Amino acid sequence: MNLRQKVISDEKYITLETTPPKLPTFNGVLDKIEKTEAYKFVDGFSTTDSPLSQMKYNSIIAAFKLQQKFNLPAIATMSMRDRNKIALQSDLLGANDLDVVNILALTGDPAKMSDQPNSKSVLEGNSNLLLQIIRGFNNGIDYGGREFKIKPKNITAFAVSNSYAKNFASIEKKIFNKVKNCATAIITQPVYDIDIAKQLLDIKRSIRREFSDERSDFQIVLGFFPITNLKTAQFLSSHVPGIYVPDSWIESLIKAHNISRDEEYKVGFELSKNLFQDLLKLHPKIHIMTANKFEIVKKLF
């Protein structure tokens, strides 16, 4: 069963995010995944593409190395920030040859955040443009409408969404447009409230009714990032749009923080693990993000 079949099925589907380093090798990440045995608990991986516009090791090559090492599929993120239509299609062709055929389409963080001086965004379009390009590839044509002499292997397209908004209609509209452009699955920002997860699943059901072809099989994958300290909870709550951290979590972490760091970690991880187990029961399609702290994965199950 390939990754697309797994994500749209009724079976449990768990992926693990990896962030390539600012190094000329990805081996340290591979070694850490192997040492922590995180690969034993997931169905696949993802690789980020220079998040926060900080220059990192290439996401496509990282995905290829993950697949070679663990014999599990990997989703390579491709950011619109750094590529025009020529580069996007060139990278897709190279990825296709390496059997990296799961692509996460992302607009990307602003270049002004970069660690590289005077960097500029390319941004010929947002992530919907990449989804359109992938749709063309899957029909054997490039973005210019020219037919490939050898049809590329089928690409499974992923996209992202906020997990919270005061008006969930805005989230539904954005997800609809990505599904319209043939995103197989939408990975959400981290979810910290079971009722919000239920609202996202209501959106999924509503959008599915709008399509009568394979797009009606699209899936929501709930983002999950364990919170183990007050600082992270407050940052996500106050500074990251599209994420909601319940007041009860912050209050519990404040009390624990005032006792000790160990108590803070214990309370945060317990809240996170309990939520993870509840999400598994509700909708076992989860994308785990750990900021490369892969030792956490085993503890969640």
C-alpha atoms as a PDB file:
ATOM      1  CA  MET A   1       0.000   0.000   0.000  1.00  0.00           C
ATOM      2  CA  ASN A   2       1.498   3.360  -1.043  1.00  0.00           C
ATOM      3  CA  LEU A   3       1.236   6.542   0.995  1.00  0.00           C
ATOM      4  CA  ARG A   4      -1.815   7.841  -0.886  1.00  0.00           C
ATOM      5  CA  GLN A   5      -3.719   4.609  -0.353  1.00  0.00           C
ATOM      6  CA  LYS A   6      -2.753   4.623   3.308  1.00  0.00           C
ATOM      7  CA  VAL A   7      -3.839   8.203   3.988  1.00  0.00           C
ATOM      8  CA  ILE A   8      -7.252   7.912   2.288  1.00  0.00           C
ATOM      9  CA  SER A   9      -7.999   4.494   3.828  1.00  0.00           C
ATOM     10  CA  ASP A  10      -9.679   3.882   7.174  1.00  0.00           C
ATOM     11  CA  GLU A  11      -6.406   2.605   8.629  1.00  0.00           C
ATOM     12  CA  LYS A  12      -4.156   4.386  11.099  1.00  0.00           C
ATOM     13  CA  TYR A  13      -1.757   6.757   9.357  1.00  0.00           C
ATOM     14  CA  ILE A  14       1.071   8.459  11.246  1.00  0.00           C
ATOM     15  CA  THR A  15       3.857  10.549   9.715  1.00  0.00           C
ATOM     16  CA  LEU A  16       6.832  12.186  11.396  1.00  0.00           C
ATOM     17  CA  GLU A  17       8.290  15.545  10.431  1.00  0.00           C
ATOM     18  CA  THR A  18      12.053  15.913  10.077  1.00  0.00           C
ATOM     19  CA  THR A  19      13.939  19.173   9.680  1.00  0.00           C
ATOM     20  CA  PRO A  20      17.185  18.851   7.702  1.00  0.00           C
ATOM     21  CA  PRO A  21      20.144  20.636   9.302  1.00  0.00           C
ATOM     22  CA  LYS A  22      22.343  23.445   8.039  1.00  0.00           C
ATOM     23  CA  LEU A  23      25.030  20.896   7.263  1.00  0.00           C
ATOM     24  CA  PRO A  24      26.356  19.140   4.151  1.00  0.00           C
ATOM     25  CA  THR A  25      24.981  15.819   5.436  1.00  0.00           C
ATOM     26  CA  PHE A  26      21.639  14.395   6.587  1.00  0.00           C
ATOM     27  CA  ASN A  27      23.211  11.413   8.339  1.00  0.00           C
ATOM     28  CA  GLY A  28      22.882  12.886  11.828  1.00  0.00           C
ATOM     29  CA  VAL A  29      19.093  13.003  11.493  1.00  0.00           C
ATOM     30  CA  LEU A  30      18.981   9.458  10.118  1.00  0.00           C
ATOM     31  CA  ASP A  31      21.120   8.209  13.001  1.00  0.00           C
ATOM     32  CA  LYS A  32      18.915   9.920  15.565  1.00  0.00           C
ATOM     33  CA  ILE A  33      15.746   8.407  14.100  1.00  0.00           C
ATOM     34  CA  GLU A  34      17.375   4.971  14.146  1.00  0.00           C
ATOM     35  CA  LYS A  35      18.727   5.328  17.700  1.00  0.00           C
ATOM     36  CA  THR A  36      15.375   6.463  19.125  1.00  0.00           C
ATOM     37  CA  GLU A  37      13.506   3.801  17.112  1.00  0.00           C
ATOM     38  CA  ALA A  38      11.028   6.472  16.039  1.00  0.00           C
ATOM     39  CA  TYR A  39      10.715   4.834  12.610  1.00  0.00           C
ATOM     40  CA  LYS A  40       9.012   1.809  14.201  1.00  0.00           C
ATOM     41  CA  PHE A  41       5.967   3.891  15.169  1.00  0.00           C
ATOM     42  CA  VAL A  42       5.221   5.745  11.927  1.00  0.00           C
ATOM     43  CA  ASP A  43       4.030   5.037   8.401  1.00  0.00           C
ATOM     44  CA  GLY A  44       6.222   7.656   6.778  1.00  0.00           C
ATOM     45  CA  PHE A  45       8.163  10.885   7.155  1.00  0.00           C
ATOM     46  CA  SER A  46       8.175  14.442   5.899  1.00  0.00           C
ATOM     47  CA  THR A  47      11.089  16.780   5.296  1.00  0.00           C
ATOM     48  CA  THR A  48      10.814  20.544   5.749  1.00  0.00           C
ATOM     49  CA  ASP A  49      12.093  23.018   3.163  1.00  0.00           C
ATOM     50  CA  SER A  50      14.193  25.712   4.862  1.00  0.00           C
ATOM     51  CA  PRO A  51      11.532  26.706   7.434  1.00  0.00           C
ATOM     52  CA  LEU A  52      11.545  30.326   8.640  1.00  0.00           C
ATOM     53  CA  SER A  53      13.614  30.999   5.499  1.00  0.00           C
ATOM     54  CA  GLN A  54      16.675  29.610   7.261  1.00  0.00           C
ATOM     55  CA  MET A  55      18.962  27.867   4.778  1.00  0.00           C
ATOM     56  CA  LYS A  56      19.007  24.069   5.284  1.00  0.00           C
ATOM     57  CA  TYR A  57      19.916  20.804   3.555  1.00  0.00           C
ATOM     58  CA  ASN A  58      17.734  20.019   0.521  1.00  0.00           C
ATOM     59  CA  SER A  59      14.329  18.547   1.372  1.00  0.00           C
ATOM     60  CA  ILE A  60      14.065  16.299  -1.707  1.00  0.00           C
ATOM     61  CA  ILE A  61      17.420  14.644  -1.133  1.00  0.00           C
ATOM     62  CA  ALA A  62      16.586  14.269   2.561  1.00  0.00           C
ATOM     63  CA  ALA A  63      13.320  12.527   1.624  1.00  0.00           C
ATOM     64  CA  PHE A  64      15.217  10.217  -0.728  1.00  0.00           C
ATOM     65  CA  LYS A  65      17.680   9.304   2.045  1.00  0.00           C
ATOM     66  CA  LEU A  66      14.867   8.599   4.516  1.00  0.00           C
ATOM     67  CA  GLN A  67      13.216   6.252   2.036  1.00  0.00           C
ATOM     68  CA  GLN A  68      16.491   4.465   1.333  1.00  0.00           C
ATOM     69  CA  LYS A  69      17.346   4.084   5.026  1.00  0.00           C
ATOM     70  CA  PHE A  70      14.000   3.030   6.520  1.00  0.00           C
ATOM     71  CA  ASN A  71      12.064   1.685   3.526  1.00  0.00           C
ATOM     72  CA  LEU A  72       9.196   4.018   4.387  1.00  0.00           C
ATOM     73  CA  PRO A  73       7.736   6.749   2.146  1.00  0.00           C
ATOM     74  CA  ALA A  74       8.702  10.363   2.719  1.00  0.00           C
ATOM     75  CA  ILE A  75       6.926  13.601   1.826  1.00  0.00           C
ATOM     76  CA  ALA A  76       9.267  16.281   0.505  1.00  0.00           C
ATOM     77  CA  THR A  77       8.178  19.858   1.149  1.00  0.00           C
ATOM     78  CA  MET A  78       8.594  22.286  -1.759  1.00  0.00           C
ATOM     79  CA  SER A  79       8.332  26.003  -1.052  1.00  0.00           C
ATOM     80  CA  MET A  80       7.045  28.499  -3.603  1.00  0.00           C
ATOM     81  CA  ARG A  81       9.224  31.119  -1.943  1.00  0.00           C
ATOM     82  CA  ASP A  82      12.425  29.889  -3.578  1.00  0.00           C
ATOM     83  CA  ARG A  83      11.416  28.627  -7.026  1.00  0.00           C
ATOM     84  CA  ASN A  84       9.799  29.860 -10.229  1.00  0.00           C
ATOM     85  CA  LYS A  85       7.795  27.556 -12.521  1.00  0.00           C
ATOM     86  CA  ILE A  86      10.968  26.362 -14.251  1.00  0.00           C
ATOM     87  CA  ALA A  87      12.730  25.380 -11.021  1.00  0.00           C
ATOM     88  CA  LEU A  88       9.596  23.806  -9.531  1.00  0.00           C
ATOM     89  CA  GLN A  89       9.159  21.522 -12.516  1.00  0.00           C
ATOM     90  CA  SER A  90      12.862  20.741 -12.717  1.00  0.00           C
ATOM     91  CA  ASP A  91      12.887  19.691  -9.056  1.00  0.00           C
ATOM     92  CA  LEU A  92       9.736  17.608  -9.543  1.00  0.00           C
ATOM     93  CA  LEU A  93      11.362  15.731 -12.432  1.00  0.00           C
ATOM     94  CA  GLY A  94      14.494  15.016 -10.399  1.00  0.00           C
ATOM     95  CA  ALA A  95      12.434  13.951  -7.386  1.00  0.00           C
ATOM     96  CA  ASN A  96      10.380  11.669  -9.643  1.00  0.00           C
ATOM     97  CA  ASP A  97      13.516   9.896 -10.826  1.00  0.00           C
ATOM     98  CA  LEU A  98      14.483   9.297  -7.165  1.00  0.00           C
ATOM     99  CA  ASP A  99      10.987   7.917  -6.370  1.00  0.00           C
ATOM    100  CA  VAL A 100      10.252  10.934  -4.180  1.00  0.00           C
ATOM    101  CA  VAL A 101       6.664  11.141  -5.337  1.00  0.00           C
ATOM    102  CA  ASN A 102       4.958  12.594  -2.251  1.00  0.00           C
ATOM    103  CA  ILE A 103       5.150  16.383  -2.311  1.00  0.00           C
ATOM    104  CA  LEU A 104       3.938  18.915   0.250  1.00  0.00           C
ATOM    105  CA  ALA A 105       3.105  22.178  -1.518  1.00  0.00           C
ATOM    106  CA  LEU A 106       3.908  25.189   0.642  1.00  0.00           C
ATOM    107  CA  THR A 107       3.929  28.914  -0.049  1.00  0.00           C
ATOM    108  CA  GLY A 108       6.791  29.371   2.434  1.00  0.00           C
ATOM    109  CA  ASP A 109       7.813  31.834   5.125  1.00  0.00           C
ATOM    110  CA  PRO A 110       8.816  35.359   4.002  1.00  0.00           C
ATOM    111  CA  ALA A 111      12.406  35.751   2.787  1.00  0.00           C
ATOM    112  CA  LYS A 112      12.850  38.757   5.099  1.00  0.00           C
ATOM    113  CA  MET A 113      13.135  36.206   7.933  1.00  0.00           C
ATOM    114  CA  SER A 114      16.156  34.586   6.269  1.00  0.00           C
ATOM    115  CA  ASP A 115      19.598  34.093   7.764  1.00  0.00           C
ATOM    116  CA  GLN A 116      21.019  34.922   4.319  1.00  0.00           C
ATOM    117  CA  PRO A 117      21.532  38.666   3.671  1.00  0.00           C
ATOM    118  CA  ASN A 118      19.324  40.446   1.142  1.00  0.00           C
ATOM    119  CA  SER A 119      17.414  37.290   0.231  1.00  0.00           C
ATOM    120  CA  LYS A 120      14.348  37.776  -1.951  1.00  0.00           C
ATOM    121  CA  SER A 121      11.259  35.642  -2.464  1.00  0.00           C
ATOM    122  CA  VAL A 122      10.447  34.300  -5.920  1.00  0.00           C
ATOM    123  CA  LEU A 123       6.729  33.634  -5.336  1.00  0.00           C
ATOM    124  CA  GLU A 124       5.273  33.334  -8.831  1.00  0.00           C
ATOM    125  CA  GLY A 125       2.211  32.046  -7.017  1.00  0.00           C
ATOM    126  CA  ASN A 126       1.085  30.405  -3.803  1.00  0.00           C
ATOM    127  CA  SER A 127       0.914  26.702  -3.070  1.00  0.00           C
ATOM    128  CA  ASN A 128      -2.095  26.293  -5.372  1.00  0.00           C
ATOM    129  CA  LEU A 129       0.198  26.917  -8.348  1.00  0.00           C
ATOM    130  CA  LEU A 130       2.402  23.979  -7.358  1.00  0.00           C
ATOM    131  CA  LEU A 131      -0.708  21.829  -6.908  1.00  0.00           C
ATOM    132  CA  GLN A 132      -1.762  22.768 -10.451  1.00  0.00           C
ATOM    133  CA  ILE A 133       1.690  21.867 -11.770  1.00  0.00           C
ATOM    134  CA  ILE A 134       1.521  18.485 -10.023  1.00  0.00           C
ATOM    135  CA  ARG A 135      -1.928  17.874 -11.471  1.00  0.00           C
ATOM    136  CA  GLY A 136      -0.483  18.500 -14.924  1.00  0.00           C
ATOM    137  CA  PHE A 137       2.415  16.104 -14.304  1.00  0.00           C
ATOM    138  CA  ASN A 138      -0.063  13.425 -13.238  1.00  0.00           C
ATOM    139  CA  ASN A 139      -1.754  13.876 -16.609  1.00  0.00           C
ATOM    140  CA  GLY A 140       1.545  13.698 -18.458  1.00  0.00           C
ATOM    141  CA  ILE A 141       1.956  17.389 -19.314  1.00  0.00           C
ATOM    142  CA  ASP A 142       4.065  20.269 -18.062  1.00  0.00           C
ATOM    143  CA  TYR A 143       2.694  23.634 -16.945  1.00  0.00           C
ATOM    144  CA  GLY A 144       3.102  24.956 -20.484  1.00  0.00           C
ATOM    145  CA  GLY A 145       0.764  22.253 -21.785  1.00  0.00           C
ATOM    146  CA  ARG A 146       3.490  20.211 -23.478  1.00  0.00           C
ATOM    147  CA  GLU A 147       3.303  16.446 -23.233  1.00  0.00           C
ATOM    148  CA  PHE A 148       6.203  14.567 -21.657  1.00  0.00           C
ATOM    149  CA  LYS A 149       7.853  11.922 -23.837  1.00  0.00           C
ATOM    150  CA  ILE A 150       7.966   9.751 -20.700  1.00  0.00           C
ATOM    151  CA  LYS A 151       5.077  10.295 -18.308  1.00  0.00           C
ATOM    152  CA  PRO A 152       6.253  11.017 -14.734  1.00  0.00           C
ATOM    153  CA  LYS A 153       5.347   8.610 -11.951  1.00  0.00           C
ATOM    154  CA  ASN A 154       2.157   9.661 -10.220  1.00  0.00           C
ATOM    155  CA  ILE A 155       2.712  12.310  -7.550  1.00  0.00           C
ATOM    156  CA  THR A 156       0.657  12.482  -4.365  1.00  0.00           C
ATOM    157  CA  ALA A 157       0.140  16.114  -3.409  1.00  0.00           C
ATOM    158  CA  PHE A 158      -0.200  17.352   0.165  1.00  0.00           C
ATOM    159  CA  ALA A 159      -0.988  20.854   1.407  1.00  0.00           C
ATOM    160  CA  VAL A 160      -1.331  22.616   4.765  1.00  0.00           C
ATOM    161  CA  SER A 161      -3.958  24.538   6.703  1.00  0.00           C
ATOM    162  CA  ASN A 162      -4.351  26.510   9.898  1.00  0.00           C
ATOM    163  CA  SER A 163      -6.039  24.488  12.617  1.00  0.00           C
ATOM    164  CA  TYR A 164      -7.968  27.391  14.142  1.00  0.00           C
ATOM    165  CA  ALA A 165      -9.723  30.595  13.165  1.00  0.00           C
ATOM    166  CA  LYS A 166     -12.405  32.708  14.762  1.00  0.00           C
ATOM    167  CA  ASN A 167     -14.366  32.071  11.588  1.00  0.00           C
ATOM    168  CA  PHE A 168     -13.850  28.489  10.434  1.00  0.00           C
ATOM    169  CA  ALA A 169     -15.478  29.350   7.109  1.00  0.00           C
ATOM    170  CA  SER A 170     -12.184  30.967   6.087  1.00  0.00           C
ATOM    171  CA  ILE A 171     -10.337  27.700   6.751  1.00  0.00           C
ATOM    172  CA  GLU A 172     -12.938  25.753   4.808  1.00  0.00           C
ATOM    173  CA  LYS A 173     -12.595  28.048   1.786  1.00  0.00           C
ATOM    174  CA  LYS A 174      -8.799  27.687   1.681  1.00  0.00           C
ATOM    175  CA  ILE A 175      -8.934  23.910   2.102  1.00  0.00           C
ATOM    176  CA  PHE A 176     -11.596  23.687  -0.628  1.00  0.00           C
ATOM    177  CA  ASN A 177      -9.352  25.519  -3.098  1.00  0.00           C
ATOM    178  CA  LYS A 178      -6.453  23.157  -2.374  1.00  0.00           C
ATOM    179  CA  VAL A 179      -8.645  20.080  -2.746  1.00  0.00           C
ATOM    180  CA  LYS A 180     -10.028  21.550  -5.971  1.00  0.00           C
ATOM    181  CA  ASN A 181      -6.415  21.584  -7.190  1.00  0.00           C
ATOM    182  CA  CYS A 182      -6.110  17.901  -6.261  1.00  0.00           C
ATOM    183  CA  ALA A 183      -4.432  17.941  -2.845  1.00  0.00           C
ATOM    184  CA  THR A 184      -4.875  14.386  -1.560  1.00  0.00           C
ATOM    185  CA  ALA A 185      -4.478  15.389   2.071  1.00  0.00           C
ATOM    186  CA  ILE A 186      -4.391  18.569   4.115  1.00  0.00           C
ATOM    187  CA  ILE A 187      -1.987  18.599   7.062  1.00  0.00           C
ATOM    188  CA  THR A 188      -3.145  21.035   9.726  1.00  0.00           C
ATOM    189  CA  GLN A 189      -1.209  23.182  12.125  1.00  0.00           C
ATOM    190  CA  PRO A 190      -0.970  21.545  15.579  1.00  0.00           C
ATOM    191  CA  VAL A 191      -4.288  20.839  17.272  1.00  0.00           C
ATOM    192  CA  TYR A 192      -4.619  21.178  21.055  1.00  0.00           C
ATOM    193  CA  ASP A 193      -8.365  20.854  21.532  1.00  0.00           C
ATOM    194  CA  ILE A 194     -10.489  17.840  20.633  1.00  0.00           C
ATOM    195  CA  ASP A 195     -13.471  20.050  19.746  1.00  0.00           C
ATOM    196  CA  ILE A 196     -11.340  21.917  17.198  1.00  0.00           C
ATOM    197  CA  ALA A 197     -10.332  18.569  15.697  1.00  0.00           C
ATOM    198  CA  LYS A 198     -14.029  17.757  15.359  1.00  0.00           C
ATOM    199  CA  GLN A 199     -14.667  21.059  13.561  1.00  0.00           C
ATOM    200  CA  LEU A 200     -11.871  20.295  11.097  1.00  0.00           C
ATOM    201  CA  LEU A 201     -13.399  16.878  10.422  1.00  0.00           C
ATOM    202  CA  ASP A 202     -16.786  18.552   9.848  1.00  0.00           C
ATOM    203  CA  ILE A 203     -15.067  20.701   7.216  1.00  0.00           C
ATOM    204  CA  LYS A 204     -13.673  17.561   5.602  1.00  0.00           C
ATOM    205  CA  ARG A 205     -17.109  15.998   5.352  1.00  0.00           C
ATOM    206  CA  SER A 206     -18.601  19.202   3.954  1.00  0.00           C
ATOM    207  CA  ILE A 207     -15.942  19.574   1.253  1.00  0.00           C
ATOM    208  CA  ARG A 208     -16.064  15.908   0.270  1.00  0.00           C
ATOM    209  CA  ARG A 209     -19.715  16.359  -0.712  1.00  0.00           C
ATOM    210  CA  GLU A 210     -18.667  18.982  -3.280  1.00  0.00           C
ATOM    211  CA  PHE A 211     -16.774  16.456  -5.435  1.00  0.00           C
ATOM    212  CA  SER A 212     -17.855  13.349  -7.305  1.00  0.00           C
ATOM    213  CA  ASP A 213     -14.399  12.221  -8.475  1.00  0.00           C
ATOM    214  CA  GLU A 214     -11.305  11.023  -6.594  1.00  0.00           C
ATOM    215  CA  ARG A 215     -11.052  14.403  -4.860  1.00  0.00           C
ATOM    216  CA  SER A 216     -13.936  13.287  -2.637  1.00  0.00           C
ATOM    217  CA  ASP A 217     -11.439  10.910  -0.994  1.00  0.00           C
ATOM    218  CA  PHE A 218      -9.275  13.765   0.317  1.00  0.00           C
ATOM    219  CA  GLN A 219      -8.218  13.468   3.915  1.00  0.00           C
ATOM    220  CA  ILE A 220      -7.509  15.740   6.863  1.00  0.00           C
ATOM    221  CA  VAL A 221      -4.305  14.894   8.741  1.00  0.00           C
ATOM    222  CA  LEU A 222      -4.215  16.461  12.195  1.00  0.00           C
ATOM    223  CA  GLY A 223      -0.984  18.182  13.121  1.00  0.00           C
ATOM    224  CA  PHE A 224       0.421  17.317  16.535  1.00  0.00           C
ATOM    225  CA  PHE A 225       3.291  19.071  18.314  1.00  0.00           C
ATOM    226  CA  PRO A 226       3.789  18.081  21.980  1.00  0.00           C
ATOM    227  CA  ILE A 227       4.110  20.988  24.392  1.00  0.00           C
ATOM    228  CA  THR A 228       6.488  20.319  27.278  1.00  0.00           C
ATOM    229  CA  ASN A 229       7.036  23.792  28.709  1.00  0.00           C
ATOM    230  CA  LEU A 230       5.227  27.048  29.406  1.00  0.00           C
ATOM    231  CA  LYS A 231       7.403  29.071  27.051  1.00  0.00           C
ATOM    232  CA  THR A 232       6.322  27.023  24.027  1.00  0.00           C
ATOM    233  CA  ALA A 233       2.660  27.144  25.026  1.00  0.00           C
ATOM    234  CA  GLN A 234       2.689  30.918  25.402  1.00  0.00           C
ATOM    235  CA  PHE A 235       4.589  31.431  22.147  1.00  0.00           C
ATOM    236  CA  LEU A 236       2.194  29.276  20.127  1.00  0.00           C
ATOM    237  CA  SER A 237      -0.823  30.872  21.768  1.00  0.00           C
ATOM    238  CA  SER A 238       0.283  34.475  21.340  1.00  0.00           C
ATOM    239  CA  HIS A 239       2.536  34.598  18.280  1.00  0.00           C
ATOM    240  CA  VAL A 240       1.561  31.847  15.837  1.00  0.00           C
ATOM    241  CA  PRO A 241      -1.596  32.606  13.849  1.00  0.00           C
ATOM    242  CA  GLY A 242      -3.899  29.695  13.208  1.00  0.00           C
ATOM    243  CA  ILE A 243      -3.145  27.767  16.404  1.00  0.00           C
ATOM    244  CA  TYR A 244      -5.254  27.660  19.562  1.00  0.00           C
ATOM    245  CA  VAL A 245      -3.811  26.547  22.907  1.00  0.00           C
ATOM    246  CA  PRO A 246      -6.503  26.171  25.601  1.00  0.00           C
ATOM    247  CA  ASP A 247      -6.281  28.457  28.625  1.00  0.00           C
ATOM    248  CA  SER A 248      -6.455  25.372  30.836  1.00  0.00           C
ATOM    249  CA  TRP A 249      -3.155  24.138  29.380  1.00  0.00           C
ATOM    250  CA  ILE A 250      -1.435  27.438  30.036  1.00  0.00           C
ATOM    251  CA  GLU A 251      -2.789  27.647  33.591  1.00  0.00           C
ATOM    252  CA  SER A 252      -1.611  24.109  34.352  1.00  0.00           C
ATOM    253  CA  LEU A 253       1.830  24.855  32.924  1.00  0.00           C
ATOM    254  CA  ILE A 254       2.123  28.080  34.938  1.00  0.00           C
ATOM    255  CA  LYS A 255       1.487  26.156  38.167  1.00  0.00           C
ATOM    256  CA  ALA A 256       3.971  23.455  37.171  1.00  0.00           C
ATOM    257  CA  HIS A 257       6.555  26.028  36.082  1.00  0.00           C
ATOM    258  CA  ASN A 258       6.439  27.594  39.527  1.00  0.00           C
ATOM    259  CA  ILE A 259       7.258  24.227  41.097  1.00  0.00           C
ATOM    260  CA  SER A 260      10.163  22.985  38.947  1.00  0.00           C
ATOM    261  CA  ARG A 261      11.314  22.337  35.406  1.00  0.00           C
ATOM    262  CA  ASP A 262      10.759  18.619  35.887  1.00  0.00           C
ATOM    263  CA  GLU A 263       7.170  19.219  36.975  1.00  0.00           C
ATOM    264  CA  GLU A 264       6.661  21.568  34.027  1.00  0.00           C
ATOM    265  CA  TYR A 265       7.850  18.888  31.591  1.00  0.00           C
ATOM    266  CA  LYS A 266       5.804  16.196  33.309  1.00  0.00           C
ATOM    267  CA  VAL A 267       2.570  18.205  33.186  1.00  0.00           C
ATOM    268  CA  GLY A 268       3.095  19.361  29.605  1.00  0.00           C
ATOM    269  CA  PHE A 269       3.923  15.919  28.307  1.00  0.00           C
ATOM    270  CA  GLU A 270       0.977  14.354  30.139  1.00  0.00           C
ATOM    271  CA  LEU A 271      -1.409  16.894  28.590  1.00  0.00           C
ATOM    272  CA  SER A 272       0.123  16.263  25.178  1.00  0.00           C
ATOM    273  CA  LYS A 273       0.090  12.480  25.419  1.00  0.00           C
ATOM    274  CA  ASN A 274      -3.518  12.393  26.622  1.00  0.00           C
ATOM    275  CA  LEU A 275      -4.515  14.600  23.696  1.00  0.00           C
ATOM    276  CA  PHE A 276      -2.571  12.405  21.270  1.00  0.00           C
ATOM    277  CA  GLN A 277      -4.393   9.317  22.472  1.00  0.00           C
ATOM    278  CA  ASP A 278      -7.748  11.108  22.200  1.00  0.00           C
ATOM    279  CA  LEU A 279      -6.926  12.210  18.647  1.00  0.00           C
ATOM    280  CA  LEU A 280      -5.994   8.648  17.718  1.00  0.00           C
ATOM    281  CA  LYS A 281      -9.397   7.452  18.882  1.00  0.00           C
ATOM    282  CA  LEU A 282     -11.210  10.245  17.056  1.00  0.00           C
ATOM    283  CA  HIS A 283      -9.262  10.295  13.803  1.00  0.00           C
ATOM    284  CA  PRO A 284      -6.071   8.199  13.499  1.00  0.00           C
ATOM    285  CA  LYS A 285      -4.527  10.388  10.795  1.00  0.00           C
ATOM    286  CA  ILE A 286      -1.806  12.395  12.546  1.00  0.00           C
ATOM    287  CA  HIS A 287       1.359  14.221  11.547  1.00  0.00           C
ATOM    288  CA  ILE A 288       3.803  14.389  14.457  1.00  0.00           C
ATOM    289  CA  MET A 289       6.145  17.367  14.774  1.00  0.00           C
ATOM    290  CA  THR A 290       8.883  17.233  17.406  1.00  0.00           C
ATOM    291  CA  ALA A 291      11.548  19.720  16.235  1.00  0.00           C
ATOM    292  CA  ASN A 292      13.766  16.661  15.663  1.00  0.00           C
ATOM    293  CA  LYS A 293      13.345  15.485  19.272  1.00  0.00           C
ATOM    294  CA  PHE A 294      12.536  12.007  17.991  1.00  0.00           C
ATOM    295  CA  GLU A 295      12.866  10.353  21.401  1.00  0.00           C
ATOM    296  CA  ILE A 296       9.407  11.757  22.190  1.00  0.00           C
ATOM    297  CA  VAL A 297       7.718   9.562  19.579  1.00  0.00           C
ATOM    298  CA  LYS A 298       8.081   6.248  21.419  1.00  0.00           C
ATOM    299  CA  LYS A 299       6.752   7.850  24.624  1.00  0.00           C
ATOM    300  CA  LEU A 300       3.515   8.908  22.946  1.00  0.00           C
ATOM    301  CA  PHE A 301       2.355   5.355  22.202  1.00  0.00           C
END
